[in-house]
Amino acid sequence: VIKLLKYFVTKEPSPCHIKLLKYFVTKECRPLVTQRASVLLIAGHNATQTAEALGFVYPQHFTRQFKNYFGETPSAFQKRRIRRD
């Protein structure tokens, strides 16, 4: 990923390269984003507030990504954590 980023700094990227870069950045950053989301949800933010804080344009996209990573929706995650604590 670092080599790819350095390439883009020095050259004009093609649309194919841009797609590839978006894929790798998304794949690399997804665990960090979802972990940060879990912290915000545990702190009491709702899914829309969390999505907005993390830079998602559409809360539905955040919910889908969160569910793919954790196996449950943000609200279900939040309810489970509140019951456990």
C-alpha atoms as a PDB file:
ATOM      1  CA  VAL A   1       0.000   0.000   0.000  1.00  0.00           C
ATOM      2  CA  ILE A   2       2.837   2.420   0.845  1.00  0.00           C
ATOM      3  CA  LYS A   3       4.515   1.792  -2.522  1.00  0.00           C
ATOM      4  CA  LEU A   4       1.199   2.398  -4.255  1.00  0.00           C
ATOM      5  CA  LEU A   5       0.742   5.694  -2.406  1.00  0.00           C
ATOM      6  CA  LYS A   6       4.268   6.819  -3.316  1.00  0.00           C
ATOM      7  CA  TYR A   7       3.541   5.985  -6.952  1.00  0.00           C
ATOM      8  CA  PHE A   8       0.485   8.249  -6.947  1.00  0.00           C
ATOM      9  CA  VAL A   9       2.417  11.137  -5.471  1.00  0.00           C
ATOM     10  CA  THR A  10       4.891  11.078  -8.366  1.00  0.00           C
ATOM     11  CA  LYS A  11       2.627  10.090 -11.304  1.00  0.00           C
ATOM     12  CA  GLU A  12      -0.869  10.698 -12.627  1.00  0.00           C
ATOM     13  CA  PRO A  13      -2.972   7.690 -11.553  1.00  0.00           C
ATOM     14  CA  SER A  14      -5.282   5.942 -13.973  1.00  0.00           C
ATOM     15  CA  PRO A  15      -8.901   5.138 -13.008  1.00  0.00           C
ATOM     16  CA  CYS A  16      -7.836   1.508 -12.555  1.00  0.00           C
ATOM     17  CA  HIS A  17      -5.117   2.534 -10.083  1.00  0.00           C
ATOM     18  CA  ILE A  18      -7.560   4.710  -8.153  1.00  0.00           C
ATOM     19  CA  LYS A  19      -9.958   1.770  -7.757  1.00  0.00           C
ATOM     20  CA  LEU A  20      -7.095  -0.427  -6.567  1.00  0.00           C
ATOM     21  CA  LEU A  21      -5.955   2.196  -4.061  1.00  0.00           C
ATOM     22  CA  LYS A  22      -9.489   2.636  -2.668  1.00  0.00           C
ATOM     23  CA  TYR A  23      -9.754  -1.138  -2.237  1.00  0.00           C
ATOM     24  CA  PHE A  24      -6.486  -1.443  -0.309  1.00  0.00           C
ATOM     25  CA  VAL A  25      -7.054   1.633   1.863  1.00  0.00           C
ATOM     26  CA  THR A  26     -10.563   0.468   2.705  1.00  0.00           C
ATOM     27  CA  LYS A  27      -9.371  -3.051   3.480  1.00  0.00           C
ATOM     28  CA  GLU A  28      -6.479  -1.831   5.648  1.00  0.00           C
ATOM     29  CA  CYS A  29      -8.501   0.797   7.516  1.00  0.00           C
ATOM     30  CA  ARG A  30     -11.671  -1.213   8.122  1.00  0.00           C
ATOM     31  CA  PRO A  31     -10.466  -2.834  11.396  1.00  0.00           C
ATOM     32  CA  LEU A  32      -9.380   0.558  12.772  1.00  0.00           C
ATOM     33  CA  VAL A  33     -12.656   2.219  11.836  1.00  0.00           C
ATOM     34  CA  THR A  34     -14.819  -0.541  13.265  1.00  0.00           C
ATOM     35  CA  GLN A  35     -12.818  -0.652  16.500  1.00  0.00           C
ATOM     36  CA  ARG A  36     -13.214   3.120  16.878  1.00  0.00           C
ATOM     37  CA  ALA A  37     -16.922   2.700  16.151  1.00  0.00           C
ATOM     38  CA  SER A  38     -17.266   0.169  18.952  1.00  0.00           C
ATOM     39  CA  VAL A  39     -15.677   2.645  21.383  1.00  0.00           C
ATOM     40  CA  LEU A  40     -18.100   5.401  20.336  1.00  0.00           C
ATOM     41  CA  LEU A  41     -21.101   3.081  20.594  1.00  0.00           C
ATOM     42  CA  ILE A  42     -20.073   1.899  24.057  1.00  0.00           C
ATOM     43  CA  ALA A  43     -19.694   5.556  25.072  1.00  0.00           C
ATOM     44  CA  GLY A  44     -23.381   6.076  24.230  1.00  0.00           C
ATOM     45  CA  HIS A  45     -23.396   7.496  20.690  1.00  0.00           C
ATOM     46  CA  ASN A  46     -26.104   6.127  18.415  1.00  0.00           C
ATOM     47  CA  ALA A  47     -25.307   4.597  15.012  1.00  0.00           C
ATOM     48  CA  THR A  48     -25.997   7.808  13.071  1.00  0.00           C
ATOM     49  CA  GLN A  49     -23.783   9.911  15.353  1.00  0.00           C
ATOM     50  CA  THR A  50     -21.032   7.286  15.156  1.00  0.00           C
ATOM     51  CA  ALA A  51     -21.228   7.101  11.366  1.00  0.00           C
ATOM     52  CA  GLU A  52     -21.027  10.884  11.136  1.00  0.00           C
ATOM     53  CA  ALA A  53     -18.086  11.055  13.556  1.00  0.00           C
ATOM     54  CA  LEU A  54     -16.187   8.496  11.487  1.00  0.00           C
ATOM     55  CA  GLY A  55     -16.795  10.353   8.226  1.00  0.00           C
ATOM     56  CA  PHE A  56     -19.424   8.155   6.617  1.00  0.00           C
ATOM     57  CA  VAL A  57     -21.729  10.033   4.259  1.00  0.00           C
ATOM     58  CA  TYR A  58     -24.488   7.440   4.563  1.00  0.00           C
ATOM     59  CA  PRO A  59     -25.248   5.831   7.956  1.00  0.00           C
ATOM     60  CA  GLN A  60     -26.536   2.738   6.135  1.00  0.00           C
ATOM     61  CA  HIS A  61     -23.079   2.133   4.682  1.00  0.00           C
ATOM     62  CA  PHE A  62     -21.578   2.339   8.176  1.00  0.00           C
ATOM     63  CA  THR A  63     -24.180  -0.099   9.532  1.00  0.00           C
ATOM     64  CA  ARG A  64     -23.476  -2.570   6.721  1.00  0.00           C
ATOM     65  CA  GLN A  65     -19.706  -2.378   7.259  1.00  0.00           C
ATOM     66  CA  PHE A  66     -20.079  -2.716  11.041  1.00  0.00           C
ATOM     67  CA  LYS A  67     -22.336  -5.744  10.661  1.00  0.00           C
ATOM     68  CA  ASN A  68     -19.932  -7.412   8.225  1.00  0.00           C
ATOM     69  CA  TYR A  69     -17.083  -6.959  10.720  1.00  0.00           C
ATOM     70  CA  PHE A  70     -18.811  -7.715  14.045  1.00  0.00           C
ATOM     71  CA  GLY A  71     -21.682  -9.932  12.866  1.00  0.00           C
ATOM     72  CA  GLU A  72     -24.361  -7.707  14.377  1.00  0.00           C
ATOM     73  CA  THR A  73     -25.812  -4.253  13.858  1.00  0.00           C
ATOM     74  CA  PRO A  74     -24.482  -1.296  15.840  1.00  0.00           C
ATOM     75  CA  SER A  75     -27.697  -1.081  17.882  1.00  0.00           C
ATOM     76  CA  ALA A  76     -27.595  -4.814  18.730  1.00  0.00           C
ATOM     77  CA  PHE A  77     -23.924  -4.448  19.691  1.00  0.00           C
ATOM     78  CA  GLN A  78     -24.782  -1.498  21.915  1.00  0.00           C
ATOM     79  CA  LYS A  79     -27.693  -3.284  23.617  1.00  0.00           C
ATOM     80  CA  ARG A  80     -25.568  -6.378  24.270  1.00  0.00           C
ATOM     81  CA  ARG A  81     -22.767  -4.291  25.782  1.00  0.00           C
ATOM     82  CA  ILE A  82     -25.170  -2.351  28.024  1.00  0.00           C
ATOM     83  CA  ARG A  83     -26.719  -5.580  29.324  1.00  0.00           C
ATOM     84  CA  ARG A  84     -23.288  -7.085  29.982  1.00  0.00           C
ATOM     85  CA  ASP A  85     -22.008  -4.050  31.883  1.00  0.00           C
END
